[in-house]
Amino acid sequence: VRGLCGTFNGDQRDEFTTPEGDVELGVAAFANAFRAAGACPALGPGIPNPCDGFPGSWERAEAACAVLMGLAFQ
């Protein structure tokens, strides 16, 4: 098995194997290797924060996760 979900062989050094068989070191370069040319913009070197595109998401996520940080799970 090889692709965007990894290789599932227990060796984390080859998880970012591209369709061409190269092993990328960064997430953006790995994801860009699977990008259809012209279909979407290439990812930059940093990983985007998913909450940046959805105002208020950060506050909702913190509120939803607060129970996991509470006494019941300590």
PDB file of N, CA and C in Angstrom:
ATOM      1  N   VAL A   1       0.861  -1.170   0.000  1.00  0.00           N
ATOM      2  CA  VAL A   1       0.000   0.000   0.000  1.00  0.00           C
ATOM      3  C   VAL A   1       0.902   1.225   0.000  1.00  0.00           C
ATOM      4  N   ARG A   2       0.605   2.168  -0.891  1.00  0.00           N
ATOM      5  CA  ARG A   2       1.400   3.388  -0.945  1.00  0.00           C
ATOM      6  C   ARG A   2       0.513   4.521  -1.442  1.00  0.00           C
ATOM      7  N   GLY A   3       0.674   5.684  -0.865  1.00  0.00           N
ATOM      8  CA  GLY A   3      -0.100   6.832  -1.306  1.00  0.00           C
ATOM      9  C   GLY A   3      -0.191   7.884  -0.232  1.00  0.00           C
ATOM     10  N   LEU A   4      -1.230   8.690  -0.309  1.00  0.00           N
ATOM     11  CA  LEU A   4      -1.393   9.785   0.643  1.00  0.00           C
ATOM     12  C   LEU A   4      -1.564   9.298   2.074  1.00  0.00           C
ATOM     13  N   CYS A   5      -1.971   8.073   2.264  1.00  0.00           N
ATOM     14  CA  CYS A   5      -2.158   7.533   3.621  1.00  0.00           C
ATOM     15  C   CYS A   5      -0.922   6.823   4.143  1.00  0.00           C
ATOM     16  N   GLY A   6       0.168   6.807   3.409  1.00  0.00           N
ATOM     17  CA  GLY A   6       1.400   6.188   3.876  1.00  0.00           C
ATOM     18  C   GLY A   6       1.624   4.816   3.270  1.00  0.00           C
ATOM     19  N   THR A   7       2.602   4.095   3.807  1.00  0.00           N
ATOM     20  CA  THR A   7       2.978   2.790   3.262  1.00  0.00           C
ATOM     21  C   THR A   7       2.515   1.622   4.118  1.00  0.00           C
ATOM     22  N   PHE A   8       2.214   1.871   5.382  1.00  0.00           N
ATOM     23  CA  PHE A   8       1.743   0.852   6.320  1.00  0.00           C
ATOM     24  C   PHE A   8       2.713  -0.319   6.444  1.00  0.00           C
ATOM     25  N   ASN A   9       4.006  -0.031   6.387  1.00  0.00           N
ATOM     26  CA  ASN A   9       4.989  -1.098   6.544  1.00  0.00           C
ATOM     27  C   ASN A   9       5.751  -0.989   7.861  1.00  0.00           C
ATOM     28  N   GLY A  10       5.359  -0.065   8.730  1.00  0.00           N
ATOM     29  CA  GLY A  10       5.999   0.094  10.021  1.00  0.00           C
ATOM     30  C   GLY A  10       7.272   0.930   9.995  1.00  0.00           C
ATOM     31  N   ASP A  11       7.702   1.359   8.828  1.00  0.00           N
ATOM     32  CA  ASP A  11       8.919   2.166   8.693  1.00  0.00           C
ATOM     33  C   ASP A  11       8.514   3.610   8.405  1.00  0.00           C
ATOM     34  N   GLN A  12       8.603   4.472   9.414  1.00  0.00           N
ATOM     35  CA  GLN A  12       8.157   5.851   9.247  1.00  0.00           C
ATOM     36  C   GLN A  12       9.047   6.657   8.318  1.00  0.00           C
ATOM     37  N   ARG A  13      10.232   6.166   8.003  1.00  0.00           N
ATOM     38  CA  ARG A  13      11.136   6.915   7.126  1.00  0.00           C
ATOM     39  C   ARG A  13      10.638   6.972   5.687  1.00  0.00           C
ATOM     40  N   ASP A  14       9.742   6.085   5.289  1.00  0.00           N
ATOM     41  CA  ASP A  14       9.267   6.106   3.903  1.00  0.00           C
ATOM     42  C   ASP A  14       7.776   6.445   3.784  1.00  0.00           C
ATOM     43  N   GLU A  15       7.210   7.030   4.823  1.00  0.00           N
ATOM     44  CA  GLU A  15       5.786   7.375   4.785  1.00  0.00           C
ATOM     45  C   GLU A  15       5.458   8.410   3.712  1.00  0.00           C
ATOM     46  N   PHE A  16       6.391   9.273   3.373  1.00  0.00           N
ATOM     47  CA  PHE A  16       6.134  10.325   2.388  1.00  0.00           C
ATOM     48  C   PHE A  16       6.682   9.933   1.016  1.00  0.00           C
ATOM     49  N   THR A  17       6.428   8.712   0.579  1.00  0.00           N
ATOM     50  CA  THR A  17       6.875   8.248  -0.732  1.00  0.00           C
ATOM     51  C   THR A  17       5.919   8.785  -1.793  1.00  0.00           C
ATOM     52  N   THR A  18       6.465   9.471  -2.788  1.00  0.00           N
ATOM     53  CA  THR A  18       5.668  10.082  -3.859  1.00  0.00           C
ATOM     54  C   THR A  18       5.314   9.045  -4.923  1.00  0.00           C
ATOM     55  N   PRO A  19       4.422   9.384  -5.834  1.00  0.00           N
ATOM     56  CA  PRO A  19       4.100   8.457  -6.929  1.00  0.00           C
ATOM     57  C   PRO A  19       5.329   8.086  -7.771  1.00  0.00           C
ATOM     58  N   GLU A  20       6.326   8.960  -7.803  1.00  0.00           N
ATOM     59  CA  GLU A  20       7.545   8.687  -8.568  1.00  0.00           C
ATOM     60  C   GLU A  20       8.529   7.818  -7.793  1.00  0.00           C
ATOM     61  N   GLY A  21       8.228   7.514  -6.514  1.00  0.00           N
ATOM     62  CA  GLY A  21       9.107   6.696  -5.697  1.00  0.00           C
ATOM     63  C   GLY A  21      10.101   7.473  -4.862  1.00  0.00           C
ATOM     64  N   ASP A  22      10.069   8.802  -4.941  1.00  0.00           N
ATOM     65  CA  ASP A  22      10.944   9.637  -4.115  1.00  0.00           C
ATOM     66  C   ASP A  22      10.363   9.730  -2.705  1.00  0.00           C
ATOM     67  N   VAL A  23      11.214   9.934  -1.722  1.00  0.00           N
ATOM     68  CA  VAL A  23      10.756  10.135  -0.348  1.00  0.00           C
ATOM     69  C   VAL A  23      10.961  11.604  -0.010  1.00  0.00           C
ATOM     70  N   GLU A  24       9.863  12.305   0.225  1.00  0.00           N
ATOM     71  CA  GLU A  24       9.917  13.718   0.582  1.00  0.00           C
ATOM     72  C   GLU A  24      10.083  13.863   2.091  1.00  0.00           C
ATOM     73  N   LEU A  25      10.736  14.917   2.520  1.00  0.00           N
ATOM     74  CA  LEU A  25      10.946  15.160   3.939  1.00  0.00           C
ATOM     75  C   LEU A  25       9.843  16.016   4.553  1.00  0.00           C
ATOM     76  N   GLY A  26       9.193  16.831   3.731  1.00  0.00           N
ATOM     77  CA  GLY A  26       8.179  17.749   4.250  1.00  0.00           C
ATOM     78  C   GLY A  26       6.777  17.412   3.773  1.00  0.00           C
ATOM     79  N   VAL A  27       5.794  17.803   4.570  1.00  0.00           N
ATOM     80  CA  VAL A  27       4.391  17.540   4.271  1.00  0.00           C
ATOM     81  C   VAL A  27       3.956  18.232   2.983  1.00  0.00           C
ATOM     82  N   ALA A  28       4.330  19.506   2.815  1.00  0.00           N
ATOM     83  CA  ALA A  28       3.886  20.269   1.648  1.00  0.00           C
ATOM     84  C   ALA A  28       4.431  19.657   0.355  1.00  0.00           C
ATOM     85  N   ALA A  29       5.707  19.321   0.323  1.00  0.00           N
ATOM     86  CA  ALA A  29       6.295  18.733  -0.882  1.00  0.00           C
ATOM     87  C   ALA A  29       5.646  17.392  -1.191  1.00  0.00           C
ATOM     88  N   PHE A  30       5.352  16.606  -0.174  1.00  0.00           N
ATOM     89  CA  PHE A  30       4.692  15.320  -0.360  1.00  0.00           C
ATOM     90  C   PHE A  30       3.293  15.502  -0.943  1.00  0.00           C
ATOM     91  N   ALA A  31       2.507  16.396  -0.350  1.00  0.00           N
ATOM     92  CA  ALA A  31       1.146  16.637  -0.837  1.00  0.00           C
ATOM     93  C   ALA A  31       1.157  17.192  -2.253  1.00  0.00           C
ATOM     94  N   ASN A  32       2.101  18.085  -2.551  1.00  0.00           N
ATOM     95  CA  ASN A  32       2.184  18.651  -3.900  1.00  0.00           C
ATOM     96  C   ASN A  32       2.514  17.594  -4.950  1.00  0.00           C
ATOM     97  N   ALA A  33       3.184  16.512  -4.561  1.00  0.00           N
ATOM     98  CA  ALA A  33       3.516  15.448  -5.509  1.00  0.00           C
ATOM     99  C   ALA A  33       2.261  14.744  -6.008  1.00  0.00           C
ATOM    100  N   PHE A  34       1.168  14.781  -5.248  1.00  0.00           N
ATOM    101  CA  PHE A  34      -0.081  14.141  -5.642  1.00  0.00           C
ATOM    102  C   PHE A  34      -1.063  15.119  -6.281  1.00  0.00           C
ATOM    103  N   ARG A  35      -0.681  16.381  -6.356  1.00  0.00           N
ATOM    104  CA  ARG A  35      -1.566  17.425  -6.885  1.00  0.00           C
ATOM    105  C   ARG A  35      -1.685  17.305  -8.392  1.00  0.00           C
ATOM    106  N   ALA A  36      -2.903  17.359  -8.891  1.00  0.00           N
ATOM    107  CA  ALA A  36      -3.130  17.382 -10.334  1.00  0.00           C
ATOM    108  C   ALA A  36      -2.736  18.764 -10.840  1.00  0.00           C
ATOM    109  N   ALA A  37      -1.894  18.817 -11.847  1.00  0.00           N
ATOM    110  CA  ALA A  37      -1.385  20.087 -12.377  1.00  0.00           C
ATOM    111  C   ALA A  37      -2.537  21.029 -12.727  1.00  0.00           C
ATOM    112  N   GLY A  38      -2.508  22.200 -12.141  1.00  0.00           N
ATOM    113  CA  GLY A  38      -3.498  23.225 -12.444  1.00  0.00           C
ATOM    114  C   GLY A  38      -4.827  23.050 -11.734  1.00  0.00           C
ATOM    115  N   ALA A  39      -5.033  21.925 -11.059  1.00  0.00           N
ATOM    116  CA  ALA A  39      -6.321  21.678 -10.422  1.00  0.00           C
ATOM    117  C   ALA A  39      -6.505  22.501  -9.145  1.00  0.00           C
ATOM    118  N   CYS A  40      -5.427  22.764  -8.447  1.00  0.00           N
ATOM    119  CA  CYS A  40      -5.493  23.541  -7.216  1.00  0.00           C
ATOM    120  C   CYS A  40      -4.119  24.147  -6.959  1.00  0.00           C
ATOM    121  N   PRO A  41      -4.056  25.191  -6.140  1.00  0.00           N
ATOM    122  CA  PRO A  41      -2.753  25.812  -5.880  1.00  0.00           C
ATOM    123  C   PRO A  41      -1.846  24.893  -5.064  1.00  0.00           C
ATOM    124  N   ALA A  42      -0.554  25.022  -5.288  1.00  0.00           N
ATOM    125  CA  ALA A  42       0.418  24.237  -4.535  1.00  0.00           C
ATOM    126  C   ALA A  42       0.468  24.727  -3.096  1.00  0.00           C
ATOM    127  N   LEU A  43       0.737  23.812  -2.183  1.00  0.00           N
ATOM    128  CA  LEU A  43       0.899  24.177  -0.784  1.00  0.00           C
ATOM    129  C   LEU A  43       2.230  24.865  -0.581  1.00  0.00           C
ATOM    130  N   GLY A  44       2.258  25.813   0.344  1.00  0.00           N
ATOM    131  CA  GLY A  44       3.502  26.481   0.696  1.00  0.00           C
ATOM    132  C   GLY A  44       4.287  25.635   1.677  1.00  0.00           C
ATOM    133  N   PRO A  45       5.402  26.135   2.163  1.00  0.00           N
ATOM    134  CA  PRO A  45       6.242  25.340   3.056  1.00  0.00           C
ATOM    135  C   PRO A  45       5.635  25.102   4.439  1.00  0.00           C
ATOM    136  N   GLY A  46       4.730  25.987   4.868  1.00  0.00           N
ATOM    137  CA  GLY A  46       4.114  25.814   6.181  1.00  0.00           C
ATOM    138  C   GLY A  46       2.800  25.067   6.080  1.00  0.00           C
ATOM    139  N   ILE A  47       2.378  24.462   7.168  1.00  0.00           N
ATOM    140  CA  ILE A  47       1.093  23.772   7.200  1.00  0.00           C
ATOM    141  C   ILE A  47       0.033  24.789   7.607  1.00  0.00           C
ATOM    142  N   PRO A  48      -1.005  24.989   6.773  1.00  0.00           N
ATOM    143  CA  PRO A  48      -2.028  25.980   7.114  1.00  0.00           C
ATOM    144  C   PRO A  48      -2.859  25.520   8.322  1.00  0.00           C
ATOM    145  N   ASN A  49      -3.266  26.481   9.107  1.00  0.00           N
ATOM    146  CA  ASN A  49      -4.139  26.204  10.236  1.00  0.00           C
ATOM    147  C   ASN A  49      -5.565  26.119   9.705  1.00  0.00           C
ATOM    148  N   PRO A  50      -6.257  24.983   9.876  1.00  0.00           N
ATOM    149  CA  PRO A  50      -7.605  24.852   9.325  1.00  0.00           C
ATOM    150  C   PRO A  50      -8.601  25.836   9.910  1.00  0.00           C
ATOM    151  N   CYS A  51      -8.333  26.359  11.100  1.00  0.00           N
ATOM    152  CA  CYS A  51      -9.258  27.313  11.713  1.00  0.00           C
ATOM    153  C   CYS A  51      -9.176  28.698  11.072  1.00  0.00           C
ATOM    154  N   ASP A  52      -8.094  28.984  10.344  1.00  0.00           N
ATOM    155  CA  ASP A  52      -7.951  30.305   9.736  1.00  0.00           C
ATOM    156  C   ASP A  52      -9.047  30.592   8.718  1.00  0.00           C
ATOM    157  N   GLY A  53      -9.551  29.576   8.045  1.00  0.00           N
ATOM    158  CA  GLY A  53     -10.577  29.777   7.028  1.00  0.00           C
ATOM    159  C   GLY A  53     -11.984  29.806   7.572  1.00  0.00           C
ATOM    160  N   PHE A  54     -12.148  29.552   8.859  1.00  0.00           N
ATOM    161  CA  PHE A  54     -13.471  29.492   9.455  1.00  0.00           C
ATOM    162  C   PHE A  54     -13.503  30.302  10.742  1.00  0.00           C
ATOM    163  N   PRO A  55     -13.922  31.566  10.653  1.00  0.00           N
ATOM    164  CA  PRO A  55     -13.958  32.417  11.844  1.00  0.00           C
ATOM    165  C   PRO A  55     -14.800  31.780  12.952  1.00  0.00           C
ATOM    166  N   GLY A  56     -14.268  31.806  14.146  1.00  0.00           N
ATOM    167  CA  GLY A  56     -14.982  31.251  15.294  1.00  0.00           C
ATOM    168  C   GLY A  56     -14.693  29.785  15.558  1.00  0.00           C
ATOM    169  N   SER A  57     -14.034  29.101  14.634  1.00  0.00           N
ATOM    170  CA  SER A  57     -13.776  27.672  14.801  1.00  0.00           C
ATOM    171  C   SER A  57     -12.851  27.392  15.973  1.00  0.00           C
ATOM    172  N   TRP A  58     -11.863  28.241  16.173  1.00  0.00           N
ATOM    173  CA  TRP A  58     -10.909  28.022  17.255  1.00  0.00           C
ATOM    174  C   TRP A  58     -11.625  28.022  18.604  1.00  0.00           C
ATOM    175  N   GLU A  59     -12.502  28.980  18.804  1.00  0.00           N
ATOM    176  CA  GLU A  59     -13.230  29.062  20.063  1.00  0.00           C
ATOM    177  C   GLU A  59     -14.145  27.857  20.245  1.00  0.00           C
ATOM    178  N   ARG A  60     -14.834  27.436  19.181  1.00  0.00           N
ATOM    179  CA  ARG A  60     -15.712  26.262  19.277  1.00  0.00           C
ATOM    180  C   ARG A  60     -14.909  25.001  19.566  1.00  0.00           C
ATOM    181  N   ALA A  61     -13.745  24.861  18.931  1.00  0.00           N
ATOM    182  CA  ALA A  61     -12.904  23.688  19.157  1.00  0.00           C
ATOM    183  C   ALA A  61     -12.394  23.651  20.591  1.00  0.00           C
ATOM    184  N   GLU A  62     -11.960  24.791  21.104  1.00  0.00           N
ATOM    185  CA  GLU A  62     -11.484  24.839  22.492  1.00  0.00           C
ATOM    186  C   GLU A  62     -12.603  24.497  23.464  1.00  0.00           C
ATOM    187  N   ALA A  63     -13.798  24.982  23.201  1.00  0.00           N
ATOM    188  CA  ALA A  63     -14.931  24.688  24.077  1.00  0.00           C
ATOM    189  C   ALA A  63     -15.286  23.205  24.021  1.00  0.00           C
ATOM    190  N   ALA A  64     -15.259  22.612  22.844  1.00  0.00           N
ATOM    191  CA  ALA A  64     -15.591  21.196  22.701  1.00  0.00           C
ATOM    192  C   ALA A  64     -14.534  20.306  23.351  1.00  0.00           C
ATOM    193  N   CYS A  65     -13.286  20.715  23.300  1.00  0.00           N
ATOM    194  CA  CYS A  65     -12.196  19.915  23.861  1.00  0.00           C
ATOM    195  C   CYS A  65     -11.970  20.169  25.346  1.00  0.00           C
ATOM    196  N   ALA A  66     -12.608  21.188  25.891  1.00  0.00           N
ATOM    197  CA  ALA A  66     -12.391  21.541  27.294  1.00  0.00           C
ATOM    198  C   ALA A  66     -12.709  20.374  28.217  1.00  0.00           C
ATOM    199  N   VAL A  67     -13.693  19.575  27.880  1.00  0.00           N
ATOM    200  CA  VAL A  67     -14.049  18.444  28.728  1.00  0.00           C
ATOM    201  C   VAL A  67     -12.903  17.434  28.795  1.00  0.00           C
ATOM    202  N   LEU A  68     -12.146  17.285  27.722  1.00  0.00           N
ATOM    203  CA  LEU A  68     -11.007  16.358  27.720  1.00  0.00           C
ATOM    204  C   LEU A  68      -9.856  16.858  28.587  1.00  0.00           C
ATOM    205  N   MET A  69      -9.827  18.151  28.811  1.00  0.00           N
ATOM    206  CA  MET A  69      -8.768  18.735  29.638  1.00  0.00           C
ATOM    207  C   MET A  69      -9.216  18.851  31.103  1.00  0.00           C
ATOM    208  N   GLY A  70     -10.454  18.473  31.380  1.00  0.00           N
ATOM    209  CA  GLY A  70     -10.998  18.602  32.730  1.00  0.00           C
ATOM    210  C   GLY A  70     -10.540  17.500  33.680  1.00  0.00           C
ATOM    211  N   LEU A  71     -11.056  17.566  34.885  1.00  0.00           N
ATOM    212  CA  LEU A  71     -10.660  16.645  35.948  1.00  0.00           C
ATOM    213  C   LEU A  71     -10.979  15.183  35.606  1.00  0.00           C
ATOM    214  N   ALA A  72     -12.047  14.928  34.893  1.00  0.00           N
ATOM    215  CA  ALA A  72     -12.450  13.563  34.596  1.00  0.00           C
ATOM    216  C   ALA A  72     -11.381  12.796  33.806  1.00  0.00           C
ATOM    217  N   PHE A  73     -10.570  13.493  33.039  1.00  0.00           N
ATOM    218  CA  PHE A  73      -9.571  12.833  32.200  1.00  0.00           C
ATOM    219  C   PHE A  73      -8.132  13.056  32.682  1.00  0.00           C
ATOM    220  N   GLN A  74      -7.965  13.554  33.888  1.00  0.00           N
ATOM    221  CA  GLN A  74      -6.616  13.762  34.409  1.00  0.00           C
ATOM    222  C   GLN A  74      -6.082  12.497  35.052  1.00  0.00           C
TER     223      GLN A  74
END
